Every structure is written in structure tokens, then in C-alpha cells.
Amino acid sequence: MSFTMLAVPFENALPFARPVLTSFGIAIVALRPLLGFGLLAALLWLFKPLLRGVARAVLILFQPRQTLTQRTARRNLDSVRMLHRMARDLDTQQPNVAAELRLLAARG
């Protein structure tokens, strides 16, 4: 049973509404899926914290957090790359500063 079908038994629950439904049949047919999608949107909005927590759990399951040593090594590698990039940019304008940056990058 889908969420869009929750609005279907309206004409069965209220038999006096059948003449209204036949006169406004096209409008009711058009509004029935909107009612179902509105109900789906309301349920998603209501359970948004729960769904967000489930999404985080799935993300951690497939991509676990790195250890402290791995994160430290990654940070050091990023800083060395940044120093090399800065040295490349300054190589033509200030070669002494670029050499010092390369020296710092070599230390790690």
C-alpha cells in the first residue's frame, strides 16, 4: 500500500459525498495524489531527525572514520603540498623565499 492510496477510501467512508465526488470528479482525481504526496512530505518532515541519524549510521558503516594517526598524516601531507604550491608560486619572484619554503616542506 502506497502513501498515495491513503486518500482512496474517502468515497467509501462517506457515502453521502458520492454526488459531490461525481460533480467534482476531475478535481478530486487531481487532488488525491497531492494529498498522498503531502502526507508523505509531512511524515518525512516529522521523522527527519530519525532519518538523518539512520543516514549517518549508514555513512559510518560504509566509510568509517580514520584513526588519529591517519588524520595526522593526512594533515601533514596537505601542509607539505601547500608549502610546495606556495614555493612554486614564488619561484620566479622571490627565489630565496621559495627555497626556504621547500626546506620547510622537506622537514615534514
N, C-alpha and C. Protein backbone atom coordinates (compact mmCIF):
# COMPACT_ATOMS: atom_id res chain seq x y z
N MET A 1 0.85 -1.18 0.00
CA MET A 1 0.00 0.00 0.00
C MET A 1 0.89 1.24 0.00
N SER A 2 0.67 2.13 -0.91
CA SER A 2 1.49 3.34 -1.01
C SER A 2 0.81 4.49 -0.27
N PHE A 3 1.58 5.55 -0.09
CA PHE A 3 1.05 6.72 0.60
C PHE A 3 -0.01 7.42 -0.23
N THR A 4 0.10 7.32 -1.55
CA THR A 4 -0.90 8.00 -2.38
C THR A 4 -2.25 7.31 -2.31
N MET A 5 -2.29 6.06 -1.90
CA MET A 5 -3.55 5.33 -1.84
C MET A 5 -4.28 5.54 -0.51
N LEU A 6 -3.71 6.31 0.40
CA LEU A 6 -4.37 6.53 1.68
C LEU A 6 -5.63 7.39 1.54
N ALA A 7 -5.70 8.18 0.49
CA ALA A 7 -6.86 9.04 0.30
C ALA A 7 -7.96 8.36 -0.51
N VAL A 8 -7.74 7.13 -0.97
CA VAL A 8 -8.71 6.45 -1.84
C VAL A 8 -10.02 6.13 -1.14
N PRO A 9 -10.03 5.60 0.10
CA PRO A 9 -11.31 5.16 0.66
C PRO A 9 -12.23 6.29 1.12
N PHE A 10 -11.97 7.52 0.69
CA PHE A 10 -12.81 8.64 1.11
C PHE A 10 -14.25 8.46 0.64
N GLU A 11 -14.41 8.06 -0.63
CA GLU A 11 -15.79 7.92 -1.13
C GLU A 11 -16.49 6.72 -0.53
N ASN A 12 -15.73 5.72 -0.05
CA ASN A 12 -16.36 4.58 0.61
C ASN A 12 -16.73 4.90 2.04
N ALA A 13 -15.94 5.74 2.70
CA ALA A 13 -16.21 6.08 4.10
C ALA A 13 -17.38 7.05 4.23
N LEU A 14 -17.55 7.93 3.27
CA LEU A 14 -18.63 8.91 3.32
C LEU A 14 -19.55 8.73 2.11
N PRO A 15 -20.59 7.90 2.24
CA PRO A 15 -21.44 7.64 1.07
C PRO A 15 -22.23 8.87 0.60
N PHE A 16 -22.50 9.80 1.50
CA PHE A 16 -23.24 11.00 1.09
C PHE A 16 -22.37 11.92 0.24
N ALA A 17 -21.09 11.68 0.21
CA ALA A 17 -20.19 12.54 -0.57
C ALA A 17 -20.10 12.10 -2.03
N ARG A 18 -20.76 10.97 -2.41
CA ARG A 18 -20.67 10.48 -3.78
C ARG A 18 -21.18 11.50 -4.81
N PRO A 19 -22.31 12.21 -4.57
CA PRO A 19 -22.72 13.21 -5.57
C PRO A 19 -21.71 14.35 -5.72
N VAL A 20 -21.11 14.73 -4.61
CA VAL A 20 -20.09 15.78 -4.68
C VAL A 20 -18.89 15.29 -5.47
N LEU A 21 -18.55 14.04 -5.25
CA LEU A 21 -17.39 13.48 -5.94
C LEU A 21 -17.65 13.34 -7.44
N THR A 22 -18.86 13.02 -7.81
CA THR A 22 -19.14 12.90 -9.24
C THR A 22 -19.17 14.26 -9.92
N SER A 23 -19.61 15.30 -9.20
CA SER A 23 -19.64 16.62 -9.82
C SER A 23 -18.24 17.24 -9.88
N PHE A 24 -17.43 16.95 -8.91
CA PHE A 24 -16.05 17.46 -8.89
C PHE A 24 -15.05 16.33 -9.13
N GLY A 25 -15.40 15.39 -9.94
CA GLY A 25 -14.59 14.19 -10.13
C GLY A 25 -13.19 14.46 -10.62
N ILE A 26 -13.06 15.35 -11.59
CA ILE A 26 -11.73 15.62 -12.14
C ILE A 26 -10.85 16.30 -11.09
N ALA A 27 -11.43 17.20 -10.33
CA ALA A 27 -10.65 17.89 -9.29
C ALA A 27 -10.22 16.90 -8.21
N ILE A 28 -11.10 15.99 -7.83
CA ILE A 28 -10.76 15.01 -6.80
C ILE A 28 -9.67 14.07 -7.30
N VAL A 29 -9.79 13.66 -8.56
CA VAL A 29 -8.77 12.77 -9.13
C VAL A 29 -7.42 13.48 -9.16
N ALA A 30 -7.42 14.78 -9.42
CA ALA A 30 -6.17 15.53 -9.45
C ALA A 30 -5.63 15.79 -8.05
N LEU A 31 -6.51 15.97 -7.08
CA LEU A 31 -6.07 16.28 -5.72
C LEU A 31 -5.68 15.06 -4.90
N ARG A 32 -6.15 13.88 -5.27
CA ARG A 32 -5.86 12.68 -4.50
C ARG A 32 -4.36 12.37 -4.42
N PRO A 33 -3.61 12.40 -5.54
CA PRO A 33 -2.16 12.18 -5.40
C PRO A 33 -1.46 13.30 -4.62
N LEU A 34 -1.97 14.53 -4.75
CA LEU A 34 -1.37 15.63 -3.99
C LEU A 34 -1.55 15.43 -2.50
N LEU A 35 -2.70 14.88 -2.13
CA LEU A 35 -2.94 14.58 -0.72
C LEU A 35 -1.98 13.50 -0.23
N GLY A 36 -1.79 12.48 -1.05
CA GLY A 36 -0.86 11.41 -0.68
C GLY A 36 0.57 11.91 -0.58
N PHE A 37 1.00 12.72 -1.55
CA PHE A 37 2.36 13.26 -1.50
C PHE A 37 2.52 14.25 -0.35
N GLY A 38 1.48 14.98 -0.04
CA GLY A 38 1.53 15.88 1.12
C GLY A 38 1.67 15.11 2.42
N LEU A 39 0.96 13.99 2.51
CA LEU A 39 1.09 13.14 3.69
C LEU A 39 2.49 12.56 3.78
N LEU A 40 3.05 12.14 2.65
CA LEU A 40 4.42 11.62 2.62
C LEU A 40 5.42 12.71 3.05
N ALA A 41 5.24 13.92 2.55
CA ALA A 41 6.13 15.02 2.93
C ALA A 41 6.01 15.33 4.42
N ALA A 42 4.81 15.29 4.95
CA ALA A 42 4.62 15.54 6.38
C ALA A 42 5.29 14.46 7.23
N LEU A 43 5.19 13.21 6.81
CA LEU A 43 5.83 12.14 7.55
C LEU A 43 7.35 12.25 7.48
N LEU A 44 7.88 12.60 6.31
CA LEU A 44 9.33 12.79 6.19
C LEU A 44 9.81 13.95 7.05
N TRP A 45 9.03 15.02 7.09
CA TRP A 45 9.39 16.17 7.92
C TRP A 45 9.33 15.80 9.40
N LEU A 46 8.35 15.00 9.77
CA LEU A 46 8.18 14.60 11.17
C LEU A 46 9.32 13.70 11.63
N PHE A 47 9.74 12.78 10.76
CA PHE A 47 10.78 11.82 11.13
C PHE A 47 12.15 12.22 10.58
N LYS A 48 12.35 13.50 10.30
CA LYS A 48 13.62 13.96 9.74
C LYS A 48 14.81 13.68 10.68
N PRO A 49 14.72 13.90 11.98
CA PRO A 49 15.87 13.57 12.84
C PRO A 49 16.20 12.08 12.83
N LEU A 50 15.19 11.24 12.82
CA LEU A 50 15.42 9.81 12.77
C LEU A 50 16.07 9.40 11.45
N LEU A 51 15.57 9.94 10.36
CA LEU A 51 16.13 9.62 9.04
C LEU A 51 17.55 10.14 8.91
N ARG A 52 17.83 11.30 9.48
CA ARG A 52 19.19 11.84 9.45
C ARG A 52 20.15 10.96 10.25
N GLY A 53 19.71 10.46 11.38
CA GLY A 53 20.54 9.56 12.18
C GLY A 53 20.80 8.25 11.46
N VAL A 54 19.79 7.71 10.79
CA VAL A 54 19.98 6.48 10.02
C VAL A 54 20.95 6.72 8.88
N ALA A 55 20.86 7.87 8.22
CA ALA A 55 21.78 8.18 7.12
C ALA A 55 23.22 8.30 7.63
N ARG A 56 23.40 8.90 8.80
CA ARG A 56 24.75 8.99 9.37
C ARG A 56 25.29 7.61 9.73
N ALA A 57 24.44 6.75 10.27
CA ALA A 57 24.88 5.40 10.62
C ALA A 57 25.30 4.62 9.38
N VAL A 58 24.54 4.78 8.30
CA VAL A 58 24.90 4.10 7.05
C VAL A 58 26.20 4.66 6.50
N LEU A 59 26.39 5.97 6.59
CA LEU A 59 27.63 6.59 6.11
C LEU A 59 28.83 6.09 6.91
N ILE A 60 28.70 5.99 8.22
CA ILE A 60 29.79 5.49 9.05
C ILE A 60 30.04 4.01 8.77
N LEU A 61 29.00 3.27 8.44
CA LEU A 61 29.16 1.86 8.13
C LEU A 61 30.00 1.65 6.88
N PHE A 62 29.77 2.45 5.85
CA PHE A 62 30.48 2.28 4.59
C PHE A 62 31.77 3.09 4.51
N GLN A 63 31.90 4.13 5.30
CA GLN A 63 33.09 4.97 5.29
C GLN A 63 33.44 5.31 6.74
N PRO A 64 34.14 4.40 7.42
CA PRO A 64 34.44 4.65 8.84
C PRO A 64 35.42 5.79 9.02
N ARG A 65 35.41 6.36 10.19
CA ARG A 65 36.28 7.48 10.50
C ARG A 65 37.73 7.00 10.57
N GLN A 66 38.64 7.82 10.08
CA GLN A 66 40.05 7.46 10.11
C GLN A 66 40.59 7.57 11.52
N THR A 67 41.66 6.83 11.78
CA THR A 67 42.28 6.90 13.10
C THR A 67 43.02 8.23 13.25
N LEU A 68 43.45 8.51 14.46
CA LEU A 68 44.14 9.77 14.73
C LEU A 68 45.46 9.85 13.98
N THR A 69 46.18 8.76 13.89
CA THR A 69 47.45 8.77 13.16
C THR A 69 47.23 8.99 11.67
N GLN A 70 46.18 8.40 11.13
CA GLN A 70 45.88 8.60 9.71
C GLN A 70 45.50 10.05 9.43
N ARG A 71 44.69 10.63 10.33
CA ARG A 71 44.30 12.03 10.14
C ARG A 71 45.49 12.97 10.28
N THR A 72 46.40 12.66 11.22
CA THR A 72 47.60 13.48 11.39
C THR A 72 48.50 13.39 10.17
N ALA A 73 48.67 12.19 9.65
CA ALA A 73 49.50 12.01 8.46
C ALA A 73 48.89 12.74 7.26
N ARG A 74 47.58 12.68 7.14
CA ARG A 74 46.91 13.38 6.03
C ARG A 74 47.08 14.90 6.17
N ARG A 75 46.97 15.41 7.38
CA ARG A 75 47.14 16.83 7.62
C ARG A 75 48.56 17.28 7.30
N ASN A 76 49.55 16.46 7.69
CA ASN A 76 50.94 16.78 7.39
C ASN A 76 51.19 16.77 5.88
N LEU A 77 50.64 15.79 5.19
CA LEU A 77 50.80 15.73 3.74
C LEU A 77 50.16 16.94 3.05
N ASP A 78 48.99 17.35 3.55
CA ASP A 78 48.35 18.54 2.98
C ASP A 78 49.19 19.79 3.21
N SER A 79 49.81 19.91 4.39
CA SER A 79 50.62 21.10 4.65
C SER A 79 51.89 21.09 3.79
N VAL A 80 52.48 19.92 3.57
CA VAL A 80 53.66 19.83 2.70
C VAL A 80 53.28 20.22 1.27
N ARG A 81 52.13 19.74 0.80
CA ARG A 81 51.66 20.11 -0.54
C ARG A 81 51.42 21.61 -0.65
N MET A 82 50.86 22.20 0.41
CA MET A 82 50.61 23.63 0.40
C MET A 82 51.93 24.42 0.33
N LEU A 83 52.94 23.97 1.08
CA LEU A 83 54.24 24.65 1.05
C LEU A 83 54.89 24.54 -0.33
N HIS A 84 54.78 23.38 -0.95
CA HIS A 84 55.32 23.21 -2.30
C HIS A 84 54.59 24.11 -3.31
N ARG A 85 53.28 24.21 -3.16
CA ARG A 85 52.49 25.07 -4.05
C ARG A 85 52.87 26.53 -3.88
N MET A 86 53.07 26.95 -2.64
CA MET A 86 53.49 28.34 -2.39
C MET A 86 54.89 28.58 -2.95
N ALA A 87 55.77 27.58 -2.83
CA ALA A 87 57.13 27.73 -3.36
C ALA A 87 57.10 27.84 -4.89
N ARG A 88 56.25 27.08 -5.54
CA ARG A 88 56.12 27.18 -7.00
C ARG A 88 55.62 28.56 -7.42
N ASP A 89 54.69 29.10 -6.65
CA ASP A 89 54.16 30.43 -6.98
C ASP A 89 55.21 31.52 -6.80
N LEU A 90 56.09 31.38 -5.81
CA LEU A 90 57.09 32.41 -5.50
C LEU A 90 58.43 32.16 -6.18
N ASP A 91 58.53 31.11 -6.97
CA ASP A 91 59.82 30.71 -7.54
C ASP A 91 60.43 31.78 -8.45
N THR A 92 59.63 32.45 -9.25
CA THR A 92 60.17 33.45 -10.17
C THR A 92 60.34 34.81 -9.51
N GLN A 93 59.50 35.15 -8.55
CA GLN A 93 59.55 36.48 -7.94
C GLN A 93 60.56 36.55 -6.80
N GLN A 94 60.52 35.57 -5.91
CA GLN A 94 61.41 35.57 -4.75
C GLN A 94 62.00 34.17 -4.57
N PRO A 95 63.07 33.86 -5.25
CA PRO A 95 63.62 32.51 -5.18
C PRO A 95 64.15 32.12 -3.80
N ASN A 96 64.61 33.10 -3.01
CA ASN A 96 65.10 32.78 -1.66
C ASN A 96 63.96 32.30 -0.76
N VAL A 97 62.83 32.96 -0.84
CA VAL A 97 61.67 32.56 -0.03
C VAL A 97 61.17 31.19 -0.49
N ALA A 98 61.18 30.96 -1.81
CA ALA A 98 60.75 29.66 -2.33
C ALA A 98 61.67 28.55 -1.84
N ALA A 99 62.98 28.83 -1.77
CA ALA A 99 63.92 27.82 -1.27
C ALA A 99 63.67 27.53 0.20
N GLU A 100 63.36 28.56 0.98
CA GLU A 100 63.06 28.34 2.40
C GLU A 100 61.78 27.54 2.57
N LEU A 101 60.79 27.81 1.73
CA LEU A 101 59.54 27.05 1.81
C LEU A 101 59.79 25.59 1.46
N ARG A 102 60.62 25.34 0.46
CA ARG A 102 60.94 23.95 0.11
C ARG A 102 61.71 23.26 1.24
N LEU A 103 62.56 24.01 1.92
CA LEU A 103 63.29 23.46 3.06
C LEU A 103 62.32 23.08 4.18
N LEU A 104 61.36 23.95 4.44
CA LEU A 104 60.35 23.64 5.47
C LEU A 104 59.52 22.43 5.06
N ALA A 105 59.19 22.34 3.78
CA ALA A 105 58.40 21.21 3.31
C ALA A 105 59.20 19.90 3.42
N ALA A 106 60.49 19.98 3.24
CA ALA A 106 61.32 18.77 3.32
C ALA A 106 61.41 18.24 4.75
N ARG A 107 61.26 19.13 5.72
CA ARG A 107 61.29 18.69 7.13
C ARG A 107 60.05 17.89 7.48
N GLY A 108 58.96 18.17 6.77
CA GLY A 108 57.75 17.41 7.01
C GLY A 108 56.89 18.08 7.98
